[in-house]
Amino acid sequence: MNIQIFGTKKCFDTKKAERYFKERKIQFQFIDLNEKPMSKGELNSVLRSVSINDLINNKCKDYTKLNFNNIRSAEIKAELLLKNQKVINTPIVRNGKEATVGYNLEIWDKWIENN
């Protein structure tokens, strides 16, 4: 397993995801989005597993400011997300080519079972 956790140090769900993998003695790489934003390739990789709308945090104050609610095009949303990563729901957990958004025990358990 090659686990990467994208999130922020202050995010409660990101901390829970880290704890989940630590408790199962699974090594992971933590990437703080405040220090190192996702690259376009990383974002596109995640979008192969996750819907663009699941990635967008519509409770974030920048959501309305950036006019996300009026954008219909997935490509434009992806470009806007790449430039404004504070609007991304966290944690994003990647296992190779698969990815999840948020605290998602069911899928993580399947990854461990199949490993």
N, C-alpha and C. Protein backbone atom coordinates (compact mmCIF):
# COMPACT_ATOMS: atom_id res chain seq x y z
N MET A 1 0.84 -1.20 0.00
CA MET A 1 0.00 0.00 0.00
C MET A 1 0.87 1.24 0.00
N ASN A 2 0.44 2.22 -0.76
CA ASN A 2 1.15 3.48 -0.86
C ASN A 2 0.17 4.60 -0.52
N ILE A 3 0.05 4.91 0.76
CA ILE A 3 -0.96 5.84 1.24
C ILE A 3 -0.40 7.26 1.31
N GLN A 4 -1.15 8.19 0.74
CA GLN A 4 -0.86 9.62 0.88
C GLN A 4 -2.10 10.27 1.46
N ILE A 5 -1.90 11.15 2.45
CA ILE A 5 -3.01 11.89 3.03
C ILE A 5 -2.76 13.37 2.76
N PHE A 6 -3.66 13.97 1.98
CA PHE A 6 -3.61 15.41 1.73
C PHE A 6 -4.60 16.06 2.68
N GLY A 7 -4.14 17.05 3.42
CA GLY A 7 -5.03 17.75 4.34
C GLY A 7 -4.31 18.92 4.97
N THR A 8 -4.85 19.37 6.09
CA THR A 8 -4.20 20.45 6.84
C THR A 8 -4.04 20.00 8.28
N LYS A 9 -3.07 20.58 8.96
CA LYS A 9 -2.79 20.17 10.34
C LYS A 9 -3.94 20.48 11.28
N LYS A 10 -4.77 21.47 10.94
CA LYS A 10 -5.87 21.86 11.82
C LYS A 10 -7.16 21.10 11.54
N CYS A 11 -7.23 20.35 10.46
CA CYS A 11 -8.46 19.64 10.08
C CYS A 11 -8.68 18.41 10.97
N PHE A 12 -9.83 18.37 11.62
CA PHE A 12 -10.15 17.28 12.53
C PHE A 12 -10.21 15.94 11.80
N ASP A 13 -10.87 15.90 10.63
CA ASP A 13 -10.99 14.64 9.89
C ASP A 13 -9.64 14.16 9.36
N THR A 14 -8.75 15.09 9.03
CA THR A 14 -7.40 14.70 8.60
C THR A 14 -6.67 14.02 9.75
N LYS A 15 -6.79 14.56 10.95
CA LYS A 15 -6.17 13.95 12.13
C LYS A 15 -6.74 12.56 12.38
N LYS A 16 -8.06 12.41 12.18
CA LYS A 16 -8.68 11.09 12.37
C LYS A 16 -8.16 10.09 11.33
N ALA A 17 -7.96 10.54 10.10
CA ALA A 17 -7.43 9.66 9.05
C ALA A 17 -6.01 9.23 9.41
N GLU A 18 -5.19 10.17 9.87
CA GLU A 18 -3.83 9.81 10.28
C GLU A 18 -3.86 8.78 11.40
N ARG A 19 -4.73 8.99 12.37
CA ARG A 19 -4.84 8.06 13.50
C ARG A 19 -5.27 6.68 13.02
N TYR A 20 -6.22 6.63 12.08
CA TYR A 20 -6.71 5.36 11.54
C TYR A 20 -5.54 4.53 10.99
N PHE A 21 -4.70 5.14 10.17
CA PHE A 21 -3.59 4.40 9.56
C PHE A 21 -2.48 4.10 10.57
N LYS A 22 -2.23 5.01 11.52
CA LYS A 22 -1.22 4.76 12.55
C LYS A 22 -1.61 3.57 13.42
N GLU A 23 -2.90 3.51 13.80
CA GLU A 23 -3.38 2.41 14.65
C GLU A 23 -3.23 1.06 13.97
N ARG A 24 -3.28 1.04 12.65
CA ARG A 24 -3.15 -0.21 11.90
C ARG A 24 -1.71 -0.43 11.40
N LYS A 25 -0.81 0.42 11.91
CA LYS A 25 0.62 0.33 11.58
C LYS A 25 0.88 0.36 10.07
N ILE A 26 0.12 1.23 9.38
CA ILE A 26 0.30 1.41 7.94
C ILE A 26 0.99 2.74 7.73
N GLN A 27 2.14 2.68 7.06
CA GLN A 27 2.87 3.91 6.80
C GLN A 27 2.14 4.76 5.78
N PHE A 28 2.22 6.06 5.96
CA PHE A 28 1.59 6.99 5.02
C PHE A 28 2.44 8.24 4.92
N GLN A 29 2.20 8.98 3.86
CA GLN A 29 2.86 10.26 3.67
C GLN A 29 1.81 11.34 3.87
N PHE A 30 2.07 12.31 4.76
CA PHE A 30 1.14 13.40 4.99
C PHE A 30 1.61 14.62 4.20
N ILE A 31 0.72 15.20 3.42
CA ILE A 31 1.02 16.41 2.67
C ILE A 31 0.09 17.51 3.16
N ASP A 32 0.68 18.55 3.78
CA ASP A 32 -0.09 19.68 4.28
C ASP A 32 -0.36 20.63 3.12
N LEU A 33 -1.62 20.76 2.76
CA LEU A 33 -2.00 21.59 1.62
C LEU A 33 -1.69 23.07 1.84
N ASN A 34 -1.52 23.48 3.09
CA ASN A 34 -1.14 24.87 3.36
C ASN A 34 0.33 25.11 3.03
N GLU A 35 1.14 24.06 3.11
CA GLU A 35 2.57 24.19 2.83
C GLU A 35 2.91 23.80 1.39
N LYS A 36 2.26 22.75 0.88
CA LYS A 36 2.56 22.27 -0.46
C LYS A 36 1.24 21.94 -1.16
N PRO A 37 0.76 22.84 -2.00
CA PRO A 37 -0.51 22.59 -2.71
C PRO A 37 -0.40 21.38 -3.65
N MET A 38 -1.54 20.80 -3.97
CA MET A 38 -1.58 19.68 -4.92
C MET A 38 -1.16 20.18 -6.29
N SER A 39 -0.46 19.33 -7.00
CA SER A 39 -0.11 19.67 -8.38
C SER A 39 -1.31 19.33 -9.28
N LYS A 40 -1.26 19.80 -10.51
CA LYS A 40 -2.34 19.50 -11.45
C LYS A 40 -2.44 17.99 -11.68
N GLY A 41 -1.30 17.30 -11.77
CA GLY A 41 -1.29 15.85 -11.96
C GLY A 41 -1.92 15.12 -10.78
N GLU A 42 -1.59 15.56 -9.56
CA GLU A 42 -2.17 14.93 -8.36
C GLU A 42 -3.69 15.14 -8.33
N LEU A 43 -4.11 16.36 -8.64
CA LEU A 43 -5.55 16.64 -8.64
C LEU A 43 -6.27 15.80 -9.70
N ASN A 44 -5.69 15.71 -10.89
CA ASN A 44 -6.30 14.90 -11.95
C ASN A 44 -6.36 13.42 -11.56
N SER A 45 -5.34 12.95 -10.88
CA SER A 45 -5.32 11.56 -10.41
C SER A 45 -6.48 11.32 -9.43
N VAL A 46 -6.67 12.25 -8.51
CA VAL A 46 -7.76 12.14 -7.54
C VAL A 46 -9.11 12.19 -8.24
N LEU A 47 -9.22 13.04 -9.26
CA LEU A 47 -10.50 13.20 -9.97
C LEU A 47 -10.89 11.96 -10.77
N ARG A 48 -9.96 11.03 -10.98
CA ARG A 48 -10.32 9.77 -11.64
C ARG A 48 -11.12 8.87 -10.70
N SER A 49 -10.99 9.10 -9.38
CA SER A 49 -11.69 8.28 -8.39
C SER A 49 -12.84 9.01 -7.71
N VAL A 50 -12.81 10.33 -7.74
CA VAL A 50 -13.73 11.13 -6.94
C VAL A 50 -14.38 12.20 -7.82
N SER A 51 -15.63 12.49 -7.58
CA SER A 51 -16.31 13.55 -8.34
C SER A 51 -15.79 14.92 -7.93
N ILE A 52 -15.74 15.83 -8.88
CA ILE A 52 -15.27 17.19 -8.60
C ILE A 52 -16.13 17.85 -7.52
N ASN A 53 -17.43 17.56 -7.52
CA ASN A 53 -18.33 18.17 -6.53
C ASN A 53 -18.07 17.64 -5.12
N ASP A 54 -17.59 16.40 -5.00
CA ASP A 54 -17.23 15.87 -3.68
C ASP A 54 -15.98 16.55 -3.14
N LEU A 55 -15.11 16.99 -4.04
CA LEU A 55 -13.87 17.65 -3.63
C LEU A 55 -14.09 19.07 -3.12
N ILE A 56 -15.18 19.69 -3.55
CA ILE A 56 -15.41 21.10 -3.22
C ILE A 56 -16.16 21.22 -1.90
N ASN A 57 -15.58 22.01 -1.00
CA ASN A 57 -16.20 22.26 0.30
C ASN A 57 -17.15 23.45 0.16
N ASN A 58 -18.45 23.17 0.04
CA ASN A 58 -19.41 24.26 -0.17
C ASN A 58 -19.74 25.03 1.11
N LYS A 59 -19.17 24.62 2.25
CA LYS A 59 -19.35 25.36 3.50
C LYS A 59 -18.23 26.36 3.74
N CYS A 60 -17.21 26.30 2.90
CA CYS A 60 -16.06 27.19 3.02
C CYS A 60 -16.46 28.61 2.61
N LYS A 61 -15.93 29.62 3.32
CA LYS A 61 -16.34 31.00 2.98
C LYS A 61 -15.88 31.41 1.59
N ASP A 62 -14.79 30.82 1.09
CA ASP A 62 -14.32 31.16 -0.26
C ASP A 62 -15.21 30.55 -1.35
N TYR A 63 -16.04 29.56 -0.99
CA TYR A 63 -16.92 28.90 -1.97
C TYR A 63 -17.79 29.92 -2.69
N THR A 64 -18.48 30.76 -1.92
CA THR A 64 -19.37 31.76 -2.51
C THR A 64 -18.56 32.90 -3.13
N LYS A 65 -17.49 33.28 -2.44
CA LYS A 65 -16.65 34.38 -2.93
C LYS A 65 -16.08 34.06 -4.32
N LEU A 66 -15.74 32.79 -4.54
CA LEU A 66 -15.17 32.38 -5.83
C LEU A 66 -16.25 32.00 -6.84
N ASN A 67 -17.52 32.11 -6.43
CA ASN A 67 -18.65 31.88 -7.33
C ASN A 67 -18.79 30.42 -7.79
N PHE A 68 -18.31 29.48 -6.96
CA PHE A 68 -18.40 28.05 -7.31
C PHE A 68 -19.85 27.61 -7.56
N ASN A 69 -20.79 28.20 -6.79
CA ASN A 69 -22.18 27.77 -6.91
C ASN A 69 -22.78 28.06 -8.29
N ASN A 70 -22.17 28.95 -9.08
CA ASN A 70 -22.70 29.28 -10.41
C ASN A 70 -21.91 28.64 -11.55
N ILE A 71 -20.89 27.88 -11.23
CA ILE A 71 -20.06 27.27 -12.27
C ILE A 71 -20.58 25.85 -12.54
N ARG A 72 -20.83 25.54 -13.78
CA ARG A 72 -21.33 24.22 -14.16
C ARG A 72 -20.23 23.33 -14.74
N SER A 73 -19.24 23.91 -15.38
CA SER A 73 -18.19 23.15 -16.06
C SER A 73 -17.20 22.52 -15.07
N ALA A 74 -17.03 21.21 -15.17
CA ALA A 74 -16.09 20.50 -14.30
C ALA A 74 -14.66 20.97 -14.54
N GLU A 75 -14.33 21.29 -15.79
CA GLU A 75 -12.96 21.74 -16.11
C GLU A 75 -12.66 23.07 -15.43
N ILE A 76 -13.61 23.98 -15.47
CA ILE A 76 -13.41 25.30 -14.84
C ILE A 76 -13.33 25.13 -13.33
N LYS A 77 -14.19 24.27 -12.77
CA LYS A 77 -14.13 24.01 -11.32
C LYS A 77 -12.76 23.46 -10.93
N ALA A 78 -12.24 22.54 -11.74
CA ALA A 78 -10.92 21.93 -11.45
C ALA A 78 -9.82 22.99 -11.49
N GLU A 79 -9.85 23.86 -12.49
CA GLU A 79 -8.84 24.93 -12.59
C GLU A 79 -8.93 25.86 -11.38
N LEU A 80 -10.16 26.21 -11.00
CA LEU A 80 -10.37 27.10 -9.86
C LEU A 80 -9.91 26.44 -8.56
N LEU A 81 -10.18 25.14 -8.42
CA LEU A 81 -9.74 24.39 -7.23
C LEU A 81 -8.22 24.36 -7.14
N LEU A 82 -7.58 24.18 -8.29
CA LEU A 82 -6.12 24.11 -8.31
C LEU A 82 -5.51 25.41 -7.79
N LYS A 83 -6.13 26.52 -8.11
CA LYS A 83 -5.62 27.84 -7.71
C LYS A 83 -6.06 28.23 -6.30
N ASN A 84 -7.14 27.63 -5.81
CA ASN A 84 -7.72 28.00 -4.50
C ASN A 84 -7.96 26.75 -3.68
N GLN A 85 -6.89 26.16 -3.17
CA GLN A 85 -7.00 24.85 -2.52
C GLN A 85 -7.60 24.89 -1.12
N LYS A 86 -7.89 26.07 -0.60
CA LYS A 86 -8.57 26.16 0.69
C LYS A 86 -10.03 25.70 0.56
N VAL A 87 -10.53 25.58 -0.67
CA VAL A 87 -11.91 25.16 -0.91
C VAL A 87 -12.02 23.63 -1.03
N ILE A 88 -10.88 22.93 -0.97
CA ILE A 88 -10.89 21.46 -1.11
C ILE A 88 -11.32 20.81 0.20
N ASN A 89 -12.24 19.86 0.10
CA ASN A 89 -12.62 19.02 1.24
C ASN A 89 -11.43 18.16 1.62
N THR A 90 -11.17 18.03 2.91
CA THR A 90 -10.07 17.19 3.36
C THR A 90 -10.58 16.20 4.40
N PRO A 91 -9.90 15.10 4.61
CA PRO A 91 -8.67 14.70 3.94
C PRO A 91 -8.95 14.03 2.58
N ILE A 92 -7.97 14.13 1.72
CA ILE A 92 -7.97 13.33 0.49
C ILE A 92 -6.95 12.22 0.75
N VAL A 93 -7.40 10.98 0.68
CA VAL A 93 -6.51 9.85 0.93
C VAL A 93 -6.33 9.09 -0.38
N ARG A 94 -5.07 8.96 -0.80
CA ARG A 94 -4.78 8.24 -2.04
C ARG A 94 -4.06 6.95 -1.72
N ASN A 95 -4.47 5.91 -2.44
CA ASN A 95 -3.80 4.60 -2.37
C ASN A 95 -3.53 4.21 -3.81
N GLY A 96 -2.34 4.50 -4.29
CA GLY A 96 -2.03 4.25 -5.69
C GLY A 96 -2.90 5.11 -6.58
N LYS A 97 -3.72 4.45 -7.42
CA LYS A 97 -4.58 5.20 -8.34
C LYS A 97 -5.98 5.44 -7.78
N GLU A 98 -6.25 4.93 -6.58
CA GLU A 98 -7.56 5.13 -5.96
C GLU A 98 -7.48 6.29 -4.97
N ALA A 99 -8.62 6.93 -4.73
CA ALA A 99 -8.64 8.05 -3.78
C ALA A 99 -10.01 8.17 -3.13
N THR A 100 -10.02 8.76 -1.94
CA THR A 100 -11.26 9.06 -1.23
C THR A 100 -11.18 10.50 -0.72
N VAL A 101 -12.34 11.07 -0.45
CA VAL A 101 -12.42 12.40 0.16
C VAL A 101 -13.19 12.27 1.46
N GLY A 102 -12.66 12.90 2.51
CA GLY A 102 -13.32 12.83 3.80
C GLY A 102 -12.91 11.58 4.56
N TYR A 103 -13.52 11.40 5.71
CA TYR A 103 -13.22 10.25 6.57
C TYR A 103 -14.03 9.07 6.05
N ASN A 104 -13.38 8.12 5.39
CA ASN A 104 -14.09 7.06 4.66
C ASN A 104 -13.60 5.67 5.07
N LEU A 105 -14.03 5.23 6.23
CA LEU A 105 -13.58 3.94 6.79
C LEU A 105 -13.85 2.75 5.90
N GLU A 106 -15.02 2.71 5.28
CA GLU A 106 -15.42 1.52 4.51
C GLU A 106 -14.42 1.23 3.39
N ILE A 107 -14.05 2.26 2.65
CA ILE A 107 -13.13 2.04 1.53
C ILE A 107 -11.73 1.74 2.05
N TRP A 108 -11.29 2.44 3.11
CA TRP A 108 -9.96 2.18 3.66
C TRP A 108 -9.87 0.75 4.17
N ASP A 109 -10.93 0.26 4.82
CA ASP A 109 -10.94 -1.13 5.29
C ASP A 109 -10.80 -2.10 4.12
N LYS A 110 -11.46 -1.81 2.99
CA LYS A 110 -11.33 -2.67 1.80
C LYS A 110 -9.91 -2.66 1.27
N TRP A 111 -9.27 -1.49 1.28
CA TRP A 111 -7.87 -1.41 0.83
C TRP A 111 -6.99 -2.32 1.67
N ILE A 112 -7.22 -2.31 2.99
CA ILE A 112 -6.40 -3.11 3.90
C ILE A 112 -6.69 -4.61 3.68
N GLU A 113 -7.97 -4.96 3.53
CA GLU A 113 -8.35 -6.36 3.28
C GLU A 113 -7.68 -6.91 2.02
N ASN A 114 -7.67 -6.09 0.97
CA ASN A 114 -7.15 -6.54 -0.33
C ASN A 114 -5.64 -6.45 -0.43
N ASN A 115 -5.00 -5.97 0.60
CA ASN A 115 -3.55 -5.81 0.54
C ASN A 115 -2.84 -7.11 0.91
